[in-house]
C-alpha atoms as a PDB file:
ATOM      1  CA  UNK A   1      14.357   9.248  -7.224  1.00  0.00           C
ATOM      2  CA  UNK A   2      10.920   8.629  -8.701  1.00  0.00           C
ATOM      3  CA  UNK A   3       8.473  11.493  -9.176  1.00  0.00           C
ATOM      4  CA  UNK A   4       5.145  12.049  -7.438  1.00  0.00           C
ATOM      5  CA  UNK A   5       3.390  11.200 -10.711  1.00  0.00           C
ATOM      6  CA  UNK A   6       5.270   7.894 -10.962  1.00  0.00           C
ATOM      7  CA  UNK A   7       4.309   7.027  -7.379  1.00  0.00           C
ATOM      8  CA  UNK A   8       0.672   7.932  -8.042  1.00  0.00           C
ATOM      9  CA  UNK A   9       0.680   5.747 -11.161  1.00  0.00           C
ATOM     10  CA  UNK A  10       2.300   2.854  -9.281  1.00  0.00           C
ATOM     11  CA  UNK A  11      -0.484   2.976  -6.689  1.00  0.00           C
ATOM     12  CA  UNK A  12      -3.085   3.085  -9.476  1.00  0.00           C
ATOM     13  CA  UNK A  13      -1.406   0.041 -11.033  1.00  0.00           C
ATOM     14  CA  UNK A  14      -1.557  -1.713  -7.662  1.00  0.00           C
ATOM     15  CA  UNK A  15      -5.237  -0.812  -7.343  1.00  0.00           C
ATOM     16  CA  UNK A  16      -5.909  -2.262 -10.802  1.00  0.00           C
ATOM     17  CA  UNK A  17      -4.058  -5.475  -9.944  1.00  0.00           C
ATOM     18  CA  UNK A  18      -5.959  -5.834  -6.670  1.00  0.00           C
ATOM     19  CA  UNK A  19      -9.211  -5.164  -8.475  1.00  0.00           C
ATOM     20  CA  UNK A  20      -8.418  -7.915 -10.971  1.00  0.00           C
ATOM     21  CA  UNK A  21      -7.785 -10.397  -8.114  1.00  0.00           C
ATOM     22  CA  UNK A  22     -10.564  -9.183  -5.806  1.00  0.00           C
ATOM     23  CA  UNK A  23     -13.004 -11.998  -6.519  1.00  0.00           C
ATOM     24  CA  UNK A  24     -10.580 -14.688  -5.371  1.00  0.00           C
ATOM     25  CA  UNK A  25      -9.252 -12.706  -2.417  1.00  0.00           C
ATOM     26  CA  UNK A  26     -12.549 -11.356  -1.092  1.00  0.00           C
ATOM     27  CA  UNK A  27     -13.651 -14.696   0.368  1.00  0.00           C
ATOM     28  CA  UNK A  28     -10.346 -15.212   2.180  1.00  0.00           C
ATOM     29  CA  UNK A  29      -9.714 -11.726   3.540  1.00  0.00           C
ATOM     30  CA  UNK A  30     -12.118  -9.681   5.617  1.00  0.00           C
ATOM     31  CA  UNK A  31     -10.364  -6.316   5.634  1.00  0.00           C
ATOM     32  CA  UNK A  32     -11.932  -2.866   5.443  1.00  0.00           C
ATOM     33  CA  UNK A  33      -9.428  -0.251   6.563  1.00  0.00           C
ATOM     34  CA  UNK A  34      -8.240   3.215   5.654  1.00  0.00           C
ATOM     35  CA  UNK A  35      -4.737   3.304   4.210  1.00  0.00           C
ATOM     36  CA  UNK A  36      -2.097   6.018   3.982  1.00  0.00           C
ATOM     37  CA  UNK A  37       1.037   5.739   1.861  1.00  0.00           C
ATOM     38  CA  UNK A  38       3.728   8.249   2.780  1.00  0.00           C
ATOM     39  CA  UNK A  39       6.581   8.782   0.324  1.00  0.00           C
ATOM     40  CA  UNK A  40       9.353  10.007   2.565  1.00  0.00           C
ATOM     41  CA  UNK A  41      11.868  11.375   0.059  1.00  0.00           C
ATOM     42  CA  UNK A  42       9.247  13.396  -1.828  1.00  0.00           C
ATOM     43  CA  UNK A  43       7.282  14.672   1.146  1.00  0.00           C
ATOM     44  CA  UNK A  44       4.171  13.348  -0.594  1.00  0.00           C
ATOM     45  CA  UNK A  45       1.354  11.108   0.572  1.00  0.00           C
ATOM     46  CA  UNK A  46      -1.643   9.265  -0.803  1.00  0.00           C
ATOM     47  CA  UNK A  47      -4.596   7.712   0.923  1.00  0.00           C
ATOM     48  CA  UNK A  48      -7.477   5.423   0.190  1.00  0.00           C
ATOM     49  CA  UNK A  49      -9.360   2.467   1.576  1.00  0.00           C
ATOM     50  CA  UNK A  50      -8.764  -1.271   1.403  1.00  0.00           C
ATOM     51  CA  UNK A  51     -12.080  -3.115   1.165  1.00  0.00           C
ATOM     52  CA  UNK A  52     -13.147  -6.442  -0.319  1.00  0.00           C
ATOM     53  CA  UNK A  53      -9.642  -7.046  -1.651  1.00  0.00           C
ATOM     54  CA  UNK A  54      -9.614  -3.725  -3.503  1.00  0.00           C
ATOM     55  CA  UNK A  55      -7.814  -0.411  -3.101  1.00  0.00           C
ATOM     56  CA  UNK A  56     -10.546   2.210  -3.395  1.00  0.00           C
ATOM     57  CA  UNK A  57     -10.872   5.995  -3.360  1.00  0.00           C
ATOM     58  CA  UNK A  58      -7.146   6.551  -3.935  1.00  0.00           C
ATOM     59  CA  UNK A  59      -6.317  10.245  -3.750  1.00  0.00           C
ATOM     60  CA  UNK A  60      -3.461  12.621  -3.000  1.00  0.00           C
ATOM     61  CA  UNK A  61      -2.771  13.728   0.564  1.00  0.00           C
ATOM     62  CA  UNK A  62      -2.187  12.114   3.911  1.00  0.00           C
ATOM     63  CA  UNK A  63      -4.726  10.604   6.280  1.00  0.00           C
ATOM     64  CA  UNK A  64      -3.261  10.892   9.780  1.00  0.00           C
ATOM     65  CA  UNK A  65      -6.084   8.718  11.136  1.00  0.00           C
ATOM     66  CA  UNK A  66      -5.496   5.860   8.672  1.00  0.00           C
ATOM     67  CA  UNK A  67      -5.649   2.422  10.270  1.00  0.00           C
ATOM     68  CA  UNK A  68      -2.784   1.215   8.055  1.00  0.00           C
ATOM     69  CA  UNK A  69       0.157   3.510   7.292  1.00  0.00           C
ATOM     70  CA  UNK A  70       2.983   2.622   4.930  1.00  0.00           C
ATOM     71  CA  UNK A  71       6.090   4.818   4.727  1.00  0.00           C
ATOM     72  CA  UNK A  72       8.869   4.334   2.186  1.00  0.00           C
ATOM     73  CA  UNK A  73      10.986   6.097  -0.409  1.00  0.00           C
ATOM     74  CA  UNK A  74       9.684   6.701  -3.908  1.00  0.00           C
ATOM     75  CA  UNK A  75      12.055   4.182  -5.505  1.00  0.00           C
ATOM     76  CA  UNK A  76      11.170   1.500  -2.957  1.00  0.00           C
ATOM     77  CA  UNK A  77       7.459   2.115  -3.493  1.00  0.00           C
ATOM     78  CA  UNK A  78       7.853   1.522  -7.218  1.00  0.00           C
ATOM     79  CA  UNK A  79       9.959  -1.589  -6.590  1.00  0.00           C
ATOM     80  CA  UNK A  80       7.328  -2.955  -4.176  1.00  0.00           C
ATOM     81  CA  UNK A  81       4.503  -2.445  -6.629  1.00  0.00           C
ATOM     82  CA  UNK A  82       6.497  -3.978  -9.485  1.00  0.00           C
ATOM     83  CA  UNK A  83       7.308  -7.016  -7.343  1.00  0.00           C
ATOM     84  CA  UNK A  84      11.031  -6.279  -7.418  1.00  0.00           C
ATOM     85  CA  UNK A  85      11.213  -5.747  -3.642  1.00  0.00           C
ATOM     86  CA  UNK A  86       9.873  -8.308  -1.189  1.00  0.00           C
ATOM     87  CA  UNK A  87       7.715  -6.568   1.409  1.00  0.00           C
ATOM     88  CA  UNK A  88       8.875  -8.805   4.286  1.00  0.00           C
ATOM     89  CA  UNK A  89      12.541  -8.159   3.534  1.00  0.00           C
ATOM     90  CA  UNK A  90      11.880  -4.469   2.991  1.00  0.00           C
ATOM     91  CA  UNK A  91      10.259  -4.166   6.416  1.00  0.00           C
ATOM     92  CA  UNK A  92      13.043  -6.201   8.055  1.00  0.00           C
ATOM     93  CA  UNK A  93      15.701  -3.964   6.490  1.00  0.00           C
ATOM     94  CA  UNK A  94      13.707  -0.835   7.459  1.00  0.00           C
ATOM     95  CA  UNK A  95      13.302   0.290   3.849  1.00  0.00           C
ATOM     96  CA  UNK A  96       9.563   0.160   4.452  1.00  0.00           C
ATOM     97  CA  UNK A  97       7.637   0.924   7.606  1.00  0.00           C
ATOM     98  CA  UNK A  98       4.099  -0.367   8.085  1.00  0.00           C
ATOM     99  CA  UNK A  99       2.055   0.697  11.093  1.00  0.00           C
ATOM    100  CA  UNK A 100      -1.052  -1.362  11.638  1.00  0.00           C
ATOM    101  CA  UNK A 101      -2.832  -3.644  14.033  1.00  0.00           C
ATOM    102  CA  UNK A 102      -0.982  -7.022  14.085  1.00  0.00           C
ATOM    103  CA  UNK A 103      -4.110  -8.832  12.860  1.00  0.00           C
ATOM    104  CA  UNK A 104      -4.435  -6.360   9.979  1.00  0.00           C
ATOM    105  CA  UNK A 105      -0.791  -6.995   9.069  1.00  0.00           C
ATOM    106  CA  UNK A 106      -1.503 -10.705   8.723  1.00  0.00           C
ATOM    107  CA  UNK A 107      -4.482 -10.012   6.470  1.00  0.00           C
ATOM    108  CA  UNK A 108      -2.540  -7.438   4.470  1.00  0.00           C
ATOM    109  CA  UNK A 109       0.251  -9.935   3.880  1.00  0.00           C
ATOM    110  CA  UNK A 110      -2.260 -12.338   2.295  1.00  0.00           C
ATOM    111  CA  UNK A 111      -3.543  -9.541   0.113  1.00  0.00           C
ATOM    112  CA  UNK A 112      -0.129  -8.601  -1.235  1.00  0.00           C
END
């Protein structure tokens, strides 16, 4: 099981990667939504905002009103961020749960 600090760092790494690719993605994806990431086995959560192809304002704590909510275990979160776990397969196998508007899911898929 990964630690809260490792999960926080993985999300920061994801934010940095998205930031690096934001210029190319921004023109293709019009997405400005709040995001919550719930780490089920640690009882921890993080939240932020997806805007212009970037993950912004990432902080500890849950956002129950988030428009996009991802729930997964700590190890699966790290594997997703590292690219070791395919998000489509993870959702299909119920290792990851994503709650969002169907149109947002399509945009999010392009982003990841």
